[in-house]
Amino acid sequence: MTPAVSFRQLQVFVTVARLGTVSAAAESLSLSQSATSQALSDLERQLGVALFERPGRRLLLNELGRRMMPRAEELLEGVADFVATAREPEGALHGALSVSASATVGTYLLPGLAGRFSERHPAVDLRLKLRNTFEVITDVLRLEADLGLIEGECREPRLASEAWCEDRLVIVAAPNHPLAEREWLDDEALGEADWILRESGSGTRSVFERAMRDRNLLPKGRMELGQHEAIKQAVRAGLGLGCLSRLSVAGELERGELVALGSELSLRRTFSLVWHPERYRSPLWQAFKVFLVESTPS
């Protein structure tokens, strides 16, 4: 006899898998912790299998749980579609989509694109998270994000990815910096300069350091900062040079608050879309991905 599995049990399973703890899932679903824990225990008991590993206080999907997660998401999406059919115009997109984006993409590209998509599909709830590239990949691996947007290529073999659009980094200095009047930096100047760097795990920093290594150079980091604005302020104060996306410094360059310096460094990079191949890709997921591809910035 097939075990009876309830909609609530599937909800709890998927939410615990995404959030990692019973308490977080309970808060998200507006349930008590005891009710949430009971629903999860009942599900595993009725199926006769364990779906999670339990290291410490976190719950992590085991191999079977990871295989079942996309099917559970698909079933929940099917119920949502069933209800939405009675409430929304035919063909209207609905539901929630979690998108994790690295700093440059999430600050300078994604908000405008998300706004346009939401205008077209008002029943959609886009949940955006701003992270660095390493954290985005971690979110997608842990099934905490439906889609990730990162700086550079995805080198994580467990994820699927696709090149999205091109970007270029630019070296910037304060107008009164001693190197500003040179306009072009040779390898000696690049190696001797003080640099204001992004934090470890940042896609911007990874591209810059790789470009320096390609010329057998090691940047002298004066400080590490986690936000574009903080780096720009430090550079404007004359504390060192910065290397940031042209998207992030376009306004400062136009106003003359920063100056761009040339070099032999290879500073072009690709923004990429990343997703978990075993996660259910709903009609909303597919529509948003197509929208991003068709809206590729030039």
Protein backbone atom coordinates (compact mmCIF):
# COMPACT_ATOMS: atom_id res chain seq x y z
CA MET A 1 0.00 0.00 0.00
CA THR A 2 1.35 3.42 -0.97
CA PRO A 3 2.14 5.60 2.09
CA ALA A 4 -0.15 8.64 2.45
CA VAL A 5 1.99 11.79 2.20
CA SER A 6 0.34 15.12 2.94
CA PHE A 7 0.84 18.50 1.32
CA ARG A 8 2.01 19.85 4.70
CA GLN A 9 4.68 17.15 4.98
CA LEU A 10 6.01 18.03 1.52
CA GLN A 11 6.02 21.72 2.47
CA VAL A 12 7.98 20.98 5.63
CA PHE A 13 10.44 18.71 3.80
CA VAL A 14 11.22 21.31 1.11
CA THR A 15 11.40 24.23 3.54
CA VAL A 16 13.70 22.42 5.99
CA ALA A 17 15.91 21.37 3.06
CA ARG A 18 16.17 24.98 1.91
CA LEU A 19 16.67 26.63 5.30
CA GLY A 20 18.64 23.94 7.11
CA THR A 21 16.89 23.97 10.49
CA VAL A 22 13.48 23.05 11.88
CA SER A 23 13.21 26.40 13.69
CA ALA A 24 13.80 28.42 10.51
CA ALA A 25 11.34 26.27 8.57
CA ALA A 26 8.73 26.63 11.32
CA GLU A 27 9.03 30.41 11.25
CA SER A 28 8.81 30.48 7.46
CA LEU A 29 5.68 28.32 7.44
CA SER A 30 4.08 29.99 10.51
CA LEU A 31 4.03 26.67 12.37
CA SER A 32 5.24 25.69 15.81
CA GLN A 33 8.60 23.93 15.99
CA SER A 34 6.96 20.84 17.44
CA ALA A 35 4.44 20.65 14.57
CA THR A 36 7.20 21.12 12.01
CA SER A 37 9.41 18.48 13.60
CA GLN A 38 6.48 16.07 13.86
CA ALA A 39 5.56 16.51 10.19
CA LEU A 40 9.14 15.76 9.14
CA SER A 41 9.37 12.72 11.44
CA ASP A 42 6.02 11.42 10.17
CA LEU A 43 7.17 11.79 6.55
CA GLU A 44 10.38 9.81 7.11
CA ARG A 45 8.50 7.20 9.15
CA GLN A 46 5.78 6.75 6.52
CA LEU A 47 8.35 6.44 3.74
CA GLY A 48 10.55 4.17 5.83
CA VAL A 49 13.71 6.11 4.96
CA ALA A 50 15.85 8.93 6.34
CA LEU A 51 16.01 12.02 4.12
CA PHE A 52 18.45 14.12 6.12
CA GLU A 53 21.82 13.94 7.77
CA ARG A 54 21.86 15.64 11.15
CA PRO A 55 25.29 17.10 11.93
CA GLY A 56 24.92 19.29 14.99
CA ARG A 57 21.79 21.43 14.86
CA ARG A 58 21.56 21.62 11.05
CA LEU A 59 19.68 19.24 8.79
CA LEU A 60 21.35 18.48 5.45
CA LEU A 61 19.79 16.41 2.70
CA ASN A 62 21.36 12.98 2.29
CA GLU A 63 21.79 11.42 -1.16
CA LEU A 64 18.21 10.11 -1.27
CA GLY A 65 16.86 13.44 -0.01
CA ARG A 66 18.72 15.31 -2.76
CA ARG A 67 17.19 13.00 -5.37
CA MET A 68 13.70 13.51 -3.95
CA MET A 69 13.93 17.29 -3.54
CA PRO A 70 13.19 18.23 -7.20
CA ARG A 71 10.18 15.90 -7.26
CA ALA A 72 8.82 17.37 -4.03
CA GLU A 73 9.26 20.90 -5.42
CA GLU A 74 7.49 19.84 -8.60
CA LEU A 75 4.55 18.43 -6.63
CA LEU A 76 4.21 21.62 -4.59
CA GLU A 77 4.43 23.70 -7.76
CA GLY A 78 1.67 21.55 -9.26
CA VAL A 79 -0.61 22.26 -6.30
CA ALA A 80 0.18 25.98 -6.57
CA ASP A 81 -0.64 25.85 -10.30
CA PHE A 82 -3.93 24.12 -9.52
CA VAL A 83 -4.95 26.87 -7.09
CA ALA A 84 -3.65 29.68 -9.29
CA THR A 85 -5.67 28.45 -12.28
CA ALA A 86 -8.84 29.43 -10.45
CA ARG A 87 -7.54 32.81 -9.33
CA GLU A 88 -5.37 34.27 -12.10
CA PRO A 89 -5.69 35.07 -15.79
CA GLU A 90 -4.80 32.21 -18.10
CA GLY A 91 -1.04 31.88 -18.58
CA ALA A 92 -0.10 34.31 -15.80
CA LEU A 93 3.16 33.51 -13.99
CA HIS A 94 3.04 33.28 -10.22
CA GLY A 95 5.02 32.05 -7.24
CA ALA A 96 8.34 32.88 -5.58
CA LEU A 97 11.84 32.65 -7.03
CA SER A 98 15.00 32.99 -4.94
CA VAL A 99 17.89 34.60 -6.83
CA SER A 100 21.36 34.95 -5.31
CA ALA A 101 23.67 37.40 -7.10
CA SER A 102 27.26 38.47 -6.60
CA ALA A 103 27.98 42.08 -5.74
CA THR A 104 28.53 43.68 -9.15
CA VAL A 105 25.64 41.88 -10.83
CA GLY A 106 23.34 42.29 -7.85
CA THR A 107 24.05 45.99 -7.43
CA TYR A 108 24.35 47.33 -10.98
CA LEU A 109 22.40 44.97 -13.26
CA LEU A 110 19.88 42.79 -11.44
CA PRO A 111 17.66 45.41 -9.71
CA GLY A 112 16.64 47.04 -12.98
CA LEU A 113 16.05 43.70 -14.69
CA ALA A 114 14.09 42.35 -11.73
CA GLY A 115 11.94 45.48 -11.72
CA ARG A 116 11.07 45.08 -15.41
CA PHE A 117 10.25 41.40 -14.95
CA SER A 118 8.05 42.14 -11.93
CA GLU A 119 6.15 44.82 -13.88
CA ARG A 120 5.33 42.23 -16.54
CA HIS A 121 4.42 39.56 -13.97
CA PRO A 122 2.94 41.23 -10.88
CA ALA A 123 1.97 37.91 -9.23
CA VAL A 124 5.63 36.88 -9.05
CA ASP A 125 7.67 37.28 -5.86
CA LEU A 126 11.36 37.68 -6.75
CA ARG A 127 13.55 37.28 -3.66
CA LEU A 128 17.00 38.74 -4.29
CA LYS A 129 20.10 38.16 -2.15
CA LEU A 130 23.37 40.06 -2.55
CA ARG A 131 26.44 37.88 -1.92
CA ASN A 132 29.96 37.35 -3.19
CA THR A 133 30.62 34.74 -5.87
CA PHE A 134 31.68 32.00 -3.43
CA GLU A 135 28.55 32.55 -1.33
CA VAL A 136 26.29 32.47 -4.40
CA ILE A 137 27.70 29.09 -5.41
CA THR A 138 27.21 27.86 -1.83
CA ASP A 139 23.59 29.06 -1.83
CA VAL A 140 22.86 27.18 -5.06
CA LEU A 141 24.62 24.02 -3.86
CA ARG A 142 22.61 24.05 -0.62
CA LEU A 143 19.37 24.61 -2.56
CA GLU A 144 18.96 27.98 -0.83
CA ALA A 145 18.71 29.78 -4.19
CA ASP A 146 16.85 28.75 -7.33
CA LEU A 147 19.26 30.65 -9.57
CA GLY A 148 22.64 32.29 -9.09
CA LEU A 149 24.34 35.10 -11.01
CA ILE A 150 28.10 35.24 -10.57
CA GLU A 151 31.16 37.10 -11.79
CA GLY A 152 33.38 34.86 -13.90
CA GLU A 153 32.93 31.21 -14.81
CA CYS A 154 31.50 28.58 -12.49
CA ARG A 155 34.15 25.97 -11.69
CA GLU A 156 31.95 23.91 -9.36
CA PRO A 157 31.37 20.56 -11.14
CA ARG A 158 28.14 19.82 -9.26
CA LEU A 159 26.39 22.84 -10.77
CA ALA A 160 25.17 23.68 -14.26
CA SER A 161 26.10 27.08 -15.68
CA GLU A 162 25.82 29.25 -18.76
CA ALA A 163 27.70 32.36 -19.86
CA TRP A 164 25.40 35.37 -19.64
CA CYS A 165 27.18 38.63 -20.59
CA GLU A 166 30.59 40.29 -20.72
CA ASP A 167 32.12 42.76 -18.27
CA ARG A 168 35.41 44.62 -18.02
CA LEU A 169 37.34 45.64 -14.92
CA VAL A 170 39.15 48.94 -14.81
CA ILE A 171 42.02 50.18 -12.62
CA VAL A 172 41.07 53.42 -10.88
CA ALA A 173 42.94 56.03 -8.84
CA ALA A 174 42.21 59.34 -7.17
CA PRO A 175 42.94 62.28 -9.52
CA ASN A 176 45.74 63.44 -7.18
CA HIS A 177 47.34 60.02 -6.77
CA PRO A 178 51.03 60.01 -7.84
CA LEU A 179 50.28 57.41 -10.53
CA ALA A 180 47.20 59.17 -11.93
CA GLU A 181 49.13 61.39 -14.33
CA ARG A 182 50.86 58.39 -15.92
CA GLU A 183 47.64 57.07 -17.54
CA TRP A 184 49.42 53.76 -18.28
CA LEU A 185 50.92 51.43 -15.67
CA ASP A 186 53.81 49.13 -16.54
CA ASP A 187 54.44 45.89 -14.65
CA GLU A 188 56.81 47.58 -12.22
CA ALA A 189 54.21 50.16 -11.24
CA LEU A 190 51.52 47.48 -10.90
CA GLY A 191 53.72 45.42 -8.59
CA GLU A 192 54.79 48.34 -6.39
CA ALA A 193 51.41 50.06 -6.00
CA ASP A 194 49.23 49.74 -2.90
CA TRP A 195 45.87 48.15 -3.71
CA ILE A 196 42.43 48.36 -2.12
CA LEU A 197 41.07 44.83 -2.67
CA ARG A 198 37.71 43.12 -2.47
CA GLU A 199 37.37 40.38 0.12
CA SER A 200 38.48 36.79 -0.48
CA GLY A 201 35.79 34.89 -2.39
CA SER A 202 34.91 37.89 -4.55
CA GLY A 203 34.74 37.30 -8.30
CA THR A 204 36.23 40.73 -8.95
CA ARG A 205 39.25 39.97 -6.80
CA SER A 206 39.68 36.56 -8.41
CA VAL A 207 39.83 38.06 -11.92
CA PHE A 208 42.26 40.78 -10.83
CA GLU A 209 44.61 38.41 -9.00
CA ARG A 210 44.59 35.97 -11.92
CA ALA A 211 45.46 38.79 -14.33
CA MET A 212 48.35 39.82 -12.06
CA ARG A 213 49.60 36.22 -11.78
CA ASP A 214 49.57 35.91 -15.55
CA ARG A 215 52.25 38.62 -15.57
CA ASN A 216 54.10 37.10 -12.59
CA LEU A 217 52.93 39.89 -10.30
CA LEU A 218 51.58 39.82 -6.75
CA PRO A 219 49.41 42.77 -5.65
CA LYS A 220 50.39 44.59 -2.46
CA GLY A 221 47.07 44.69 -0.61
CA ARG A 222 46.79 47.67 1.70
CA MET A 223 43.27 46.77 2.82
CA GLU A 224 40.37 44.43 2.00
CA LEU A 225 36.83 45.76 1.82
CA GLY A 226 33.60 43.94 1.10
CA GLN A 227 31.63 46.67 -0.70
CA HIS A 228 32.20 48.62 -3.91
CA GLU A 229 31.33 51.92 -2.25
CA ALA A 230 33.88 51.37 0.53
CA ILE A 231 36.60 50.62 -2.02
CA LYS A 232 35.74 53.71 -4.06
CA GLN A 233 35.85 55.90 -0.98
CA ALA A 234 39.26 54.49 0.02
CA VAL A 235 40.61 55.03 -3.51
CA ARG A 236 39.23 58.59 -3.63
CA ALA A 237 41.02 59.24 -0.31
CA GLY A 238 44.32 58.31 -1.98
CA LEU A 239 44.89 55.13 0.05
CA GLY A 240 45.68 53.05 -3.02
CA LEU A 241 44.53 51.86 -6.42
CA GLY A 242 41.37 49.87 -7.01
CA CYS A 243 40.29 47.42 -9.69
CA LEU A 244 36.51 47.33 -10.14
CA SER A 245 33.90 46.69 -12.78
CA ARG A 246 33.44 49.60 -15.14
CA LEU A 247 29.73 49.33 -14.28
CA SER A 248 30.48 50.29 -10.68
CA VAL A 249 32.71 53.32 -11.39
CA ALA A 250 31.03 54.81 -14.47
CA GLY A 251 29.54 57.71 -12.50
CA GLU A 252 32.79 58.55 -10.67
CA LEU A 253 34.78 58.50 -13.92
CA GLU A 254 32.27 60.77 -15.64
CA ARG A 255 32.33 63.26 -12.75
CA GLY A 256 36.13 63.21 -12.52
CA GLU A 257 36.14 61.82 -8.98
CA LEU A 258 38.26 58.88 -10.16
CA VAL A 259 40.53 58.37 -13.16
CA ALA A 260 41.00 55.17 -15.16
CA LEU A 261 44.52 53.83 -15.74
CA GLY A 262 45.53 51.49 -18.53
CA SER A 263 47.79 48.44 -18.28
CA GLU A 264 48.65 45.15 -19.97
CA LEU A 265 46.43 43.22 -17.54
CA SER A 266 43.69 41.09 -19.07
CA LEU A 267 40.64 42.31 -17.19
CA ARG A 268 37.70 41.06 -19.26
CA ARG A 269 35.38 38.55 -17.67
CA THR A 270 32.05 36.80 -18.13
CA PHE A 271 28.99 36.97 -15.90
CA SER A 272 27.40 33.54 -15.57
CA LEU A 273 24.06 32.00 -14.62
CA VAL A 274 24.34 28.97 -12.31
CA TRP A 275 21.78 26.46 -11.05
CA HIS A 276 21.56 23.05 -9.45
CA PRO A 277 20.83 20.44 -12.14
CA GLU A 278 18.81 18.30 -9.71
CA ARG A 279 16.53 21.12 -8.58
CA TYR A 280 13.07 21.46 -10.08
CA ARG A 281 12.96 24.25 -12.67
CA SER A 282 9.46 25.65 -12.60
CA PRO A 283 7.79 27.59 -15.44
CA LEU A 284 8.64 30.75 -13.47
CA TRP A 285 12.33 29.72 -13.28
CA GLN A 286 12.41 29.05 -17.00
CA ALA A 287 10.64 32.31 -17.86
CA PHE A 288 13.02 34.37 -15.72
CA LYS A 289 16.09 32.69 -17.22
CA VAL A 290 14.82 33.33 -20.76
CA PHE A 291 14.13 36.94 -19.79
CA LEU A 292 17.69 37.38 -18.47
CA VAL A 293 19.20 35.89 -21.64
CA GLU A 294 17.04 38.04 -23.89
CA SER A 295 17.86 41.13 -21.81
CA THR A 296 21.63 40.54 -21.91
CA PRO A 297 23.34 43.91 -21.31
CA SER A 298 25.39 45.04 -24.31
